[in-house]
Amino acid sequence: MGWFTKLLVIGVVGFGGYVAYDLNQGGYFSLPDIPSGAYPISFKSGLRGVVYDMEVTDDQYADAPKIFRRLVMANPDRRFLGLPLDVPRWFEDTWSTCRVGTADEREYIFNNMSEDLKREMIGARLDAICYIEIEGERPLLRGLIYSVPA
C-alpha cells in the first residue's frame, strides 16, 4: 500500500470520527423516533428539539432517516437561532417537542420578553416553542426557536 493510499485512509477515518463526534455532541444518537415531516434541530447552547408541523421550503428531506434529517436542510433560506430557557440540569440534554405555537402563545412570549431581548431579536421570526413532556404533568417550557433570513 502506497503512502497516498495510507493518507487517504487516515483522512477518511479521521473525517468519519469527526462526524460521529459531532452527531454525538448534538444528541443525534439519542434522537427519539420521529414521524415523517418532523425535523430535529440541535444548538450548541444545549437546546434540542423535534419541530412538528413547520412549513418548509424543501420537503425532499421529510422522509430521510431521522439521523440525517435536518431543519436547516429543509429551510436553507433561513438561519435558526435557539433561545434555551433555564431547566433543571437533568433536562438539559433532553429532546423537546417544538410546535409553531398559537397566536396567544406568541403574544404572551413577546409581552414577557425583556426589552434587551426584544431589541436583540428585531427581524427574527418566532418559528417554534419547545416543551419537554413530563409524565402526565404540565409540559416544561424548554426554549424558543427563531429564524432570520440567511
N, C-alpha and C. Protein backbone atom coordinates (compact mmCIF):
# COMPACT_ATOMS: atom_id res chain seq x y z
N MET A 1 0.85 -1.17 0.00
CA MET A 1 0.00 0.00 0.00
C MET A 1 0.90 1.23 0.00
N GLY A 2 0.62 2.12 -0.94
CA GLY A 2 1.44 3.32 -1.07
C GLY A 2 1.11 4.37 -0.02
N TRP A 3 1.97 5.37 0.07
CA TRP A 3 1.78 6.42 1.07
C TRP A 3 0.52 7.22 0.82
N PHE A 4 0.16 7.41 -0.47
CA PHE A 4 -1.06 8.15 -0.79
C PHE A 4 -2.29 7.42 -0.29
N THR A 5 -2.33 6.12 -0.47
CA THR A 5 -3.46 5.31 -0.01
C THR A 5 -3.58 5.37 1.51
N LYS A 6 -2.44 5.30 2.19
CA LYS A 6 -2.46 5.37 3.66
C LYS A 6 -2.99 6.73 4.13
N LEU A 7 -2.54 7.81 3.48
CA LEU A 7 -3.04 9.13 3.84
C LEU A 7 -4.54 9.26 3.57
N LEU A 8 -4.98 8.69 2.47
CA LEU A 8 -6.40 8.73 2.13
C LEU A 8 -7.23 7.98 3.17
N VAL A 9 -6.78 6.81 3.58
CA VAL A 9 -7.49 6.02 4.59
C VAL A 9 -7.51 6.77 5.92
N ILE A 10 -6.39 7.35 6.31
CA ILE A 10 -6.33 8.12 7.56
C ILE A 10 -7.29 9.30 7.49
N GLY A 11 -7.34 9.98 6.34
CA GLY A 11 -8.24 11.12 6.17
C GLY A 11 -9.70 10.72 6.26
N VAL A 12 -10.07 9.62 5.62
CA VAL A 12 -11.45 9.15 5.65
C VAL A 12 -11.84 8.72 7.06
N VAL A 13 -10.97 7.99 7.74
CA VAL A 13 -11.25 7.56 9.11
C VAL A 13 -11.34 8.77 10.04
N GLY A 14 -10.46 9.73 9.86
CA GLY A 14 -10.48 10.94 10.68
C GLY A 14 -11.76 11.74 10.48
N PHE A 15 -12.17 11.90 9.23
CA PHE A 15 -13.42 12.62 8.94
C PHE A 15 -14.62 11.88 9.51
N GLY A 16 -14.63 10.56 9.36
CA GLY A 16 -15.73 9.75 9.94
C GLY A 16 -15.79 9.90 11.46
N GLY A 17 -14.64 9.93 12.10
CA GLY A 17 -14.59 10.12 13.55
C GLY A 17 -15.12 11.49 13.94
N TYR A 18 -14.77 12.51 13.17
CA TYR A 18 -15.26 13.86 13.45
C TYR A 18 -16.78 13.93 13.30
N VAL A 19 -17.32 13.33 12.25
CA VAL A 19 -18.77 13.33 12.03
C VAL A 19 -19.48 12.60 13.17
N ALA A 20 -18.95 11.46 13.59
CA ALA A 20 -19.55 10.72 14.71
C ALA A 20 -19.50 11.54 15.99
N TYR A 21 -18.39 12.21 16.25
CA TYR A 21 -18.26 13.06 17.44
C TYR A 21 -19.28 14.19 17.40
N ASP A 22 -19.42 14.84 16.25
CA ASP A 22 -20.35 15.95 16.09
C ASP A 22 -21.80 15.49 16.28
N LEU A 23 -22.16 14.34 15.71
CA LEU A 23 -23.51 13.79 15.89
C LEU A 23 -23.77 13.46 17.36
N ASN A 24 -22.78 12.95 18.04
CA ASN A 24 -22.93 12.62 19.45
C ASN A 24 -23.10 13.89 20.29
N GLN A 25 -22.30 14.92 20.01
CA GLN A 25 -22.41 16.18 20.75
C GLN A 25 -23.79 16.81 20.55
N GLY A 26 -24.36 16.68 19.37
CA GLY A 26 -25.68 17.23 19.07
C GLY A 26 -26.82 16.38 19.59
N GLY A 27 -26.51 15.20 20.12
CA GLY A 27 -27.54 14.33 20.68
C GLY A 27 -28.26 13.48 19.66
N TYR A 28 -27.76 13.42 18.44
CA TYR A 28 -28.48 12.71 17.39
C TYR A 28 -28.49 11.20 17.57
N PHE A 29 -27.60 10.64 18.38
CA PHE A 29 -27.64 9.20 18.64
C PHE A 29 -28.72 8.85 19.66
N SER A 30 -29.22 9.84 20.39
CA SER A 30 -30.31 9.62 21.35
C SER A 30 -31.63 10.19 20.86
N LEU A 31 -31.71 10.50 19.59
CA LEU A 31 -32.91 11.08 18.99
C LEU A 31 -34.07 10.10 19.08
N PRO A 32 -35.23 10.53 19.61
CA PRO A 32 -36.38 9.62 19.67
C PRO A 32 -36.94 9.38 18.27
N ASP A 33 -37.83 8.39 18.16
CA ASP A 33 -38.49 8.15 16.87
C ASP A 33 -39.32 9.37 16.51
N ILE A 34 -39.22 9.77 15.25
CA ILE A 34 -39.98 10.93 14.81
C ILE A 34 -40.73 10.58 13.53
N PRO A 35 -41.93 11.13 13.36
CA PRO A 35 -42.71 10.83 12.17
C PRO A 35 -42.19 11.57 10.94
N SER A 36 -42.66 11.17 9.80
CA SER A 36 -42.33 11.85 8.56
C SER A 36 -42.78 13.31 8.65
N GLY A 37 -41.96 14.22 8.18
CA GLY A 37 -42.31 15.63 8.19
C GLY A 37 -41.89 16.37 9.45
N ALA A 38 -41.36 15.68 10.44
CA ALA A 38 -40.83 16.32 11.65
C ALA A 38 -39.32 16.44 11.49
N TYR A 39 -38.75 17.53 11.98
CA TYR A 39 -37.34 17.81 11.78
C TYR A 39 -36.62 18.07 13.10
N PRO A 40 -35.52 17.38 13.37
CA PRO A 40 -34.74 17.68 14.57
C PRO A 40 -33.81 18.86 14.34
N ILE A 41 -33.54 19.57 15.43
CA ILE A 41 -32.56 20.66 15.39
C ILE A 41 -31.88 20.69 16.75
N SER A 42 -30.57 20.87 16.74
CA SER A 42 -29.79 20.88 17.96
C SER A 42 -28.85 22.08 17.92
N PHE A 43 -28.81 22.82 19.02
CA PHE A 43 -27.97 24.01 19.11
C PHE A 43 -26.82 23.77 20.08
N LYS A 44 -25.73 24.45 19.89
CA LYS A 44 -24.58 24.33 20.80
C LYS A 44 -24.94 24.78 22.21
N SER A 45 -25.99 25.59 22.35
CA SER A 45 -26.43 26.06 23.66
C SER A 45 -27.06 24.94 24.49
N GLY A 46 -27.33 23.80 23.86
CA GLY A 46 -27.93 22.68 24.57
C GLY A 46 -29.39 22.45 24.21
N LEU A 47 -30.03 23.42 23.58
CA LEU A 47 -31.42 23.26 23.18
C LEU A 47 -31.51 22.25 22.04
N ARG A 48 -32.30 21.20 22.27
CA ARG A 48 -32.52 20.16 21.26
C ARG A 48 -34.02 20.00 21.10
N GLY A 49 -34.48 20.03 19.88
CA GLY A 49 -35.92 19.89 19.69
C GLY A 49 -36.27 19.19 18.40
N VAL A 50 -37.44 18.57 18.42
CA VAL A 50 -38.02 17.98 17.21
C VAL A 50 -39.17 18.90 16.83
N VAL A 51 -39.07 19.53 15.67
CA VAL A 51 -40.05 20.52 15.23
C VAL A 51 -41.12 19.83 14.38
N TYR A 52 -42.37 19.99 14.82
CA TYR A 52 -43.51 19.40 14.13
C TYR A 52 -44.31 20.49 13.43
N ASP A 53 -44.94 20.12 12.33
CA ASP A 53 -45.92 20.98 11.63
C ASP A 53 -45.34 22.30 11.13
N MET A 54 -44.08 22.35 10.82
CA MET A 54 -43.49 23.58 10.30
C MET A 54 -43.49 23.54 8.78
N GLU A 55 -43.84 24.65 8.18
CA GLU A 55 -43.76 24.74 6.72
C GLU A 55 -42.29 24.88 6.32
N VAL A 56 -41.89 24.08 5.36
CA VAL A 56 -40.51 24.11 4.89
C VAL A 56 -40.47 24.40 3.41
N THR A 57 -39.34 24.91 2.94
CA THR A 57 -39.22 25.25 1.52
C THR A 57 -38.75 24.08 0.67
N ASP A 58 -38.13 23.08 1.29
CA ASP A 58 -37.59 21.94 0.56
C ASP A 58 -37.95 20.66 1.32
N ASP A 59 -39.07 20.04 0.95
CA ASP A 59 -39.55 18.87 1.71
C ASP A 59 -38.99 17.54 1.22
N GLN A 60 -37.93 17.56 0.42
CA GLN A 60 -37.34 16.31 -0.04
C GLN A 60 -36.71 15.52 1.11
N TYR A 61 -36.47 16.19 2.25
CA TYR A 61 -35.86 15.53 3.40
C TYR A 61 -36.89 15.00 4.39
N ALA A 62 -38.18 15.16 4.10
CA ALA A 62 -39.24 14.79 5.04
C ALA A 62 -39.22 13.31 5.41
N ASP A 63 -38.77 12.46 4.51
CA ASP A 63 -38.76 11.01 4.76
C ASP A 63 -37.36 10.44 4.90
N ALA A 64 -36.36 11.29 5.02
CA ALA A 64 -34.98 10.82 5.19
C ALA A 64 -34.87 10.13 6.55
N PRO A 65 -33.89 9.24 6.71
CA PRO A 65 -33.69 8.64 8.04
C PRO A 65 -33.51 9.74 9.09
N LYS A 66 -34.03 9.51 10.28
CA LYS A 66 -34.08 10.56 11.30
C LYS A 66 -32.72 11.16 11.64
N ILE A 67 -31.67 10.37 11.60
CA ILE A 67 -30.35 10.87 11.96
C ILE A 67 -29.80 11.83 10.90
N PHE A 68 -30.32 11.77 9.67
CA PHE A 68 -29.84 12.63 8.60
C PHE A 68 -30.81 13.76 8.26
N ARG A 69 -31.98 13.76 8.87
CA ARG A 69 -32.99 14.79 8.61
C ARG A 69 -32.65 16.03 9.43
N ARG A 70 -32.61 17.20 8.80
CA ARG A 70 -32.26 18.43 9.50
C ARG A 70 -33.20 19.56 9.07
N LEU A 71 -33.60 20.38 10.02
CA LEU A 71 -34.44 21.54 9.73
C LEU A 71 -33.68 22.54 8.88
N VAL A 72 -32.39 22.69 9.12
CA VAL A 72 -31.60 23.65 8.35
C VAL A 72 -31.48 23.24 6.88
N MET A 73 -31.58 21.96 6.58
CA MET A 73 -31.54 21.49 5.19
C MET A 73 -32.90 21.66 4.52
N ALA A 74 -33.98 21.54 5.30
CA ALA A 74 -35.32 21.69 4.75
C ALA A 74 -35.69 23.16 4.54
N ASN A 75 -35.03 24.05 5.26
CA ASN A 75 -35.25 25.50 5.12
C ASN A 75 -33.90 26.19 4.92
N PRO A 76 -33.27 26.00 3.76
CA PRO A 76 -31.93 26.56 3.57
C PRO A 76 -31.91 28.09 3.48
N ASP A 77 -33.07 28.70 3.27
CA ASP A 77 -33.13 30.16 3.16
C ASP A 77 -33.28 30.85 4.52
N ARG A 78 -33.26 30.08 5.62
CA ARG A 78 -33.38 30.63 6.97
C ARG A 78 -32.19 30.20 7.82
N ARG A 79 -31.79 31.06 8.73
CA ARG A 79 -30.75 30.72 9.72
C ARG A 79 -31.46 30.66 11.06
N PHE A 80 -31.29 29.57 11.79
CA PHE A 80 -32.04 29.33 13.02
C PHE A 80 -31.25 29.73 14.26
N LEU A 81 -31.96 30.32 15.20
CA LEU A 81 -31.39 30.76 16.47
C LEU A 81 -32.15 30.07 17.60
N GLY A 82 -31.44 29.42 18.48
CA GLY A 82 -32.08 28.76 19.62
C GLY A 82 -31.94 29.60 20.87
N LEU A 83 -33.04 29.81 21.54
CA LEU A 83 -33.04 30.56 22.79
C LEU A 83 -33.46 29.60 23.90
N PRO A 84 -32.48 28.96 24.56
CA PRO A 84 -32.82 28.00 25.61
C PRO A 84 -33.28 28.71 26.88
N LEU A 85 -34.16 28.09 27.60
CA LEU A 85 -34.60 28.61 28.89
C LEU A 85 -34.01 27.73 29.99
N ASP A 86 -33.92 28.28 31.17
CA ASP A 86 -33.35 27.52 32.29
C ASP A 86 -34.27 26.37 32.67
N VAL A 87 -33.70 25.19 32.75
CA VAL A 87 -34.41 23.99 33.19
C VAL A 87 -33.50 23.25 34.17
N PRO A 88 -34.05 22.35 34.97
CA PRO A 88 -33.17 21.54 35.83
C PRO A 88 -32.12 20.83 34.99
N ARG A 89 -30.93 20.65 35.54
CA ARG A 89 -29.81 20.11 34.76
C ARG A 89 -30.09 18.74 34.16
N TRP A 90 -30.97 17.94 34.77
CA TRP A 90 -31.25 16.61 34.23
C TRP A 90 -32.12 16.68 32.98
N PHE A 91 -32.66 17.85 32.65
CA PHE A 91 -33.43 18.02 31.42
C PHE A 91 -32.64 18.74 30.33
N GLU A 92 -31.42 19.15 30.61
CA GLU A 92 -30.66 19.95 29.65
C GLU A 92 -30.37 19.21 28.34
N ASP A 93 -30.19 17.91 28.38
CA ASP A 93 -29.88 17.14 27.17
C ASP A 93 -31.10 16.42 26.60
N THR A 94 -32.27 16.70 27.11
CA THR A 94 -33.49 16.03 26.68
C THR A 94 -34.01 16.65 25.37
N TRP A 95 -34.46 15.79 24.48
CA TRP A 95 -35.08 16.27 23.25
C TRP A 95 -36.47 16.81 23.60
N SER A 96 -36.77 18.01 23.14
CA SER A 96 -38.06 18.61 23.41
C SER A 96 -38.94 18.55 22.16
N THR A 97 -40.23 18.74 22.39
CA THR A 97 -41.22 18.79 21.31
C THR A 97 -41.46 20.25 20.98
N CYS A 98 -41.30 20.61 19.71
CA CYS A 98 -41.42 22.01 19.30
C CYS A 98 -42.55 22.14 18.28
N ARG A 99 -43.41 23.11 18.53
CA ARG A 99 -44.53 23.39 17.63
C ARG A 99 -44.57 24.89 17.33
N VAL A 100 -45.28 25.24 16.29
CA VAL A 100 -45.35 26.62 15.85
C VAL A 100 -45.92 27.52 16.94
N GLY A 101 -46.90 27.11 17.65
CA GLY A 101 -47.48 27.93 18.72
C GLY A 101 -48.67 28.73 18.23
N THR A 102 -49.58 28.99 19.12
CA THR A 102 -50.78 29.76 18.78
C THR A 102 -50.46 31.24 18.81
N ALA A 103 -51.35 32.04 18.28
CA ALA A 103 -51.17 33.49 18.31
C ALA A 103 -51.12 34.00 19.75
N ASP A 104 -51.93 33.41 20.63
CA ASP A 104 -51.92 33.82 22.04
C ASP A 104 -50.59 33.50 22.70
N GLU A 105 -50.03 32.33 22.41
CA GLU A 105 -48.73 31.95 22.99
C GLU A 105 -47.64 32.90 22.50
N ARG A 106 -47.67 33.22 21.22
CA ARG A 106 -46.66 34.12 20.65
C ARG A 106 -46.75 35.51 21.28
N GLU A 107 -47.97 35.99 21.44
CA GLU A 107 -48.17 37.31 22.05
C GLU A 107 -47.71 37.30 23.51
N TYR A 108 -48.02 36.24 24.24
CA TYR A 108 -47.60 36.13 25.64
C TYR A 108 -46.08 36.15 25.75
N ILE A 109 -45.42 35.40 24.90
CA ILE A 109 -43.95 35.35 24.92
C ILE A 109 -43.37 36.72 24.60
N PHE A 110 -43.90 37.37 23.58
CA PHE A 110 -43.38 38.70 23.21
C PHE A 110 -43.59 39.70 24.34
N ASN A 111 -44.75 39.68 24.96
CA ASN A 111 -45.06 40.64 26.02
C ASN A 111 -44.22 40.40 27.28
N ASN A 112 -43.71 39.19 27.49
CA ASN A 112 -42.93 38.88 28.68
C ASN A 112 -41.42 38.87 28.44
N MET A 113 -41.00 39.27 27.26
CA MET A 113 -39.57 39.37 26.95
C MET A 113 -39.00 40.64 27.54
N SER A 114 -37.74 40.58 27.91
CA SER A 114 -37.08 41.80 28.37
C SER A 114 -36.87 42.73 27.17
N GLU A 115 -36.74 44.00 27.45
CA GLU A 115 -36.53 44.98 26.38
C GLU A 115 -35.22 44.71 25.64
N ASP A 116 -34.19 44.27 26.36
CA ASP A 116 -32.91 43.95 25.72
C ASP A 116 -33.07 42.81 24.72
N LEU A 117 -33.81 41.78 25.11
CA LEU A 117 -34.02 40.64 24.23
C LEU A 117 -34.87 41.04 23.03
N LYS A 118 -35.87 41.88 23.26
CA LYS A 118 -36.69 42.36 22.13
C LYS A 118 -35.84 43.09 21.11
N ARG A 119 -34.91 43.93 21.59
CA ARG A 119 -34.01 44.65 20.68
C ARG A 119 -33.10 43.68 19.93
N GLU A 120 -32.61 42.68 20.64
CA GLU A 120 -31.69 41.72 20.03
C GLU A 120 -32.39 40.86 18.97
N MET A 121 -33.67 40.63 19.14
CA MET A 121 -34.40 39.74 18.24
C MET A 121 -35.16 40.49 17.14
N ILE A 122 -34.85 41.78 16.93
CA ILE A 122 -35.51 42.54 15.86
C ILE A 122 -35.21 41.86 14.53
N GLY A 123 -36.23 41.63 13.76
CA GLY A 123 -36.09 40.98 12.46
C GLY A 123 -36.14 39.47 12.51
N ALA A 124 -36.15 38.90 13.71
CA ALA A 124 -36.23 37.43 13.84
C ALA A 124 -37.68 37.01 13.95
N ARG A 125 -37.98 35.86 13.39
CA ARG A 125 -39.33 35.31 13.42
C ARG A 125 -39.38 34.14 14.39
N LEU A 126 -40.37 34.15 15.28
CA LEU A 126 -40.55 33.03 16.21
C LEU A 126 -41.14 31.86 15.42
N ASP A 127 -40.35 30.81 15.26
CA ASP A 127 -40.78 29.66 14.46
C ASP A 127 -41.37 28.54 15.30
N ALA A 128 -40.85 28.33 16.51
CA ALA A 128 -41.34 27.20 17.31
C ALA A 128 -41.14 27.46 18.80
N ILE A 129 -42.06 26.90 19.56
CA ILE A 129 -42.00 26.93 21.02
C ILE A 129 -41.75 25.49 21.45
N CYS A 130 -40.73 25.28 22.27
CA CYS A 130 -40.32 23.92 22.64
C CYS A 130 -40.67 23.59 24.09
N TYR A 131 -41.24 22.42 24.27
CA TYR A 131 -41.64 21.93 25.58
C TYR A 131 -41.05 20.54 25.82
N ILE A 132 -40.86 20.22 27.09
CA ILE A 132 -40.47 18.86 27.46
C ILE A 132 -41.68 18.24 28.13
N GLU A 133 -42.10 17.10 27.61
CA GLU A 133 -43.24 16.37 28.19
C GLU A 133 -42.77 15.64 29.43
N ILE A 134 -43.46 15.85 30.55
CA ILE A 134 -43.07 15.22 31.81
C ILE A 134 -44.23 14.37 32.32
N GLU A 135 -44.09 13.09 32.26
CA GLU A 135 -45.02 12.08 32.77
C GLU A 135 -46.34 12.60 33.34
N GLY A 136 -47.22 13.04 32.50
CA GLY A 136 -48.55 13.43 32.92
C GLY A 136 -48.66 14.79 33.58
N GLU A 137 -47.55 15.48 33.79
CA GLU A 137 -47.58 16.81 34.37
C GLU A 137 -47.66 17.86 33.26
N ARG A 138 -47.84 19.10 33.67
CA ARG A 138 -47.85 20.20 32.71
C ARG A 138 -46.49 20.25 32.01
N PRO A 139 -46.47 20.41 30.69
CA PRO A 139 -45.18 20.46 29.97
C PRO A 139 -44.30 21.59 30.48
N LEU A 140 -42.99 21.35 30.45
CA LEU A 140 -42.00 22.31 30.88
C LEU A 140 -41.50 23.09 29.66
N LEU A 141 -41.60 24.41 29.69
CA LEU A 141 -41.12 25.23 28.59
C LEU A 141 -39.61 25.12 28.53
N ARG A 142 -39.08 24.66 27.40
CA ARG A 142 -37.63 24.41 27.26
C ARG A 142 -36.90 25.51 26.51
N GLY A 143 -37.55 26.08 25.50
CA GLY A 143 -36.86 27.11 24.72
C GLY A 143 -37.68 27.57 23.54
N LEU A 144 -37.09 28.49 22.80
CA LEU A 144 -37.74 29.09 21.65
C LEU A 144 -36.80 28.98 20.45
N ILE A 145 -37.37 28.77 19.28
CA ILE A 145 -36.57 28.71 18.06
C ILE A 145 -37.02 29.87 17.17
N TYR A 146 -36.08 30.73 16.88
CA TYR A 146 -36.30 31.86 15.98
C TYR A 146 -35.52 31.63 14.70
N SER A 147 -35.88 32.37 13.66
CA SER A 147 -35.09 32.31 12.43
C SER A 147 -35.02 33.69 11.80
N VAL A 148 -33.97 33.87 11.02
CA VAL A 148 -33.75 35.09 10.26
C VAL A 148 -33.39 34.68 8.84
N PRO A 149 -33.60 35.56 7.87
CA PRO A 149 -33.20 35.21 6.50
C PRO A 149 -31.70 34.91 6.42
N ALA A 150 -31.36 33.91 5.64
CA ALA A 150 -29.94 33.53 5.51
C ALA A 150 -29.20 34.46 4.58
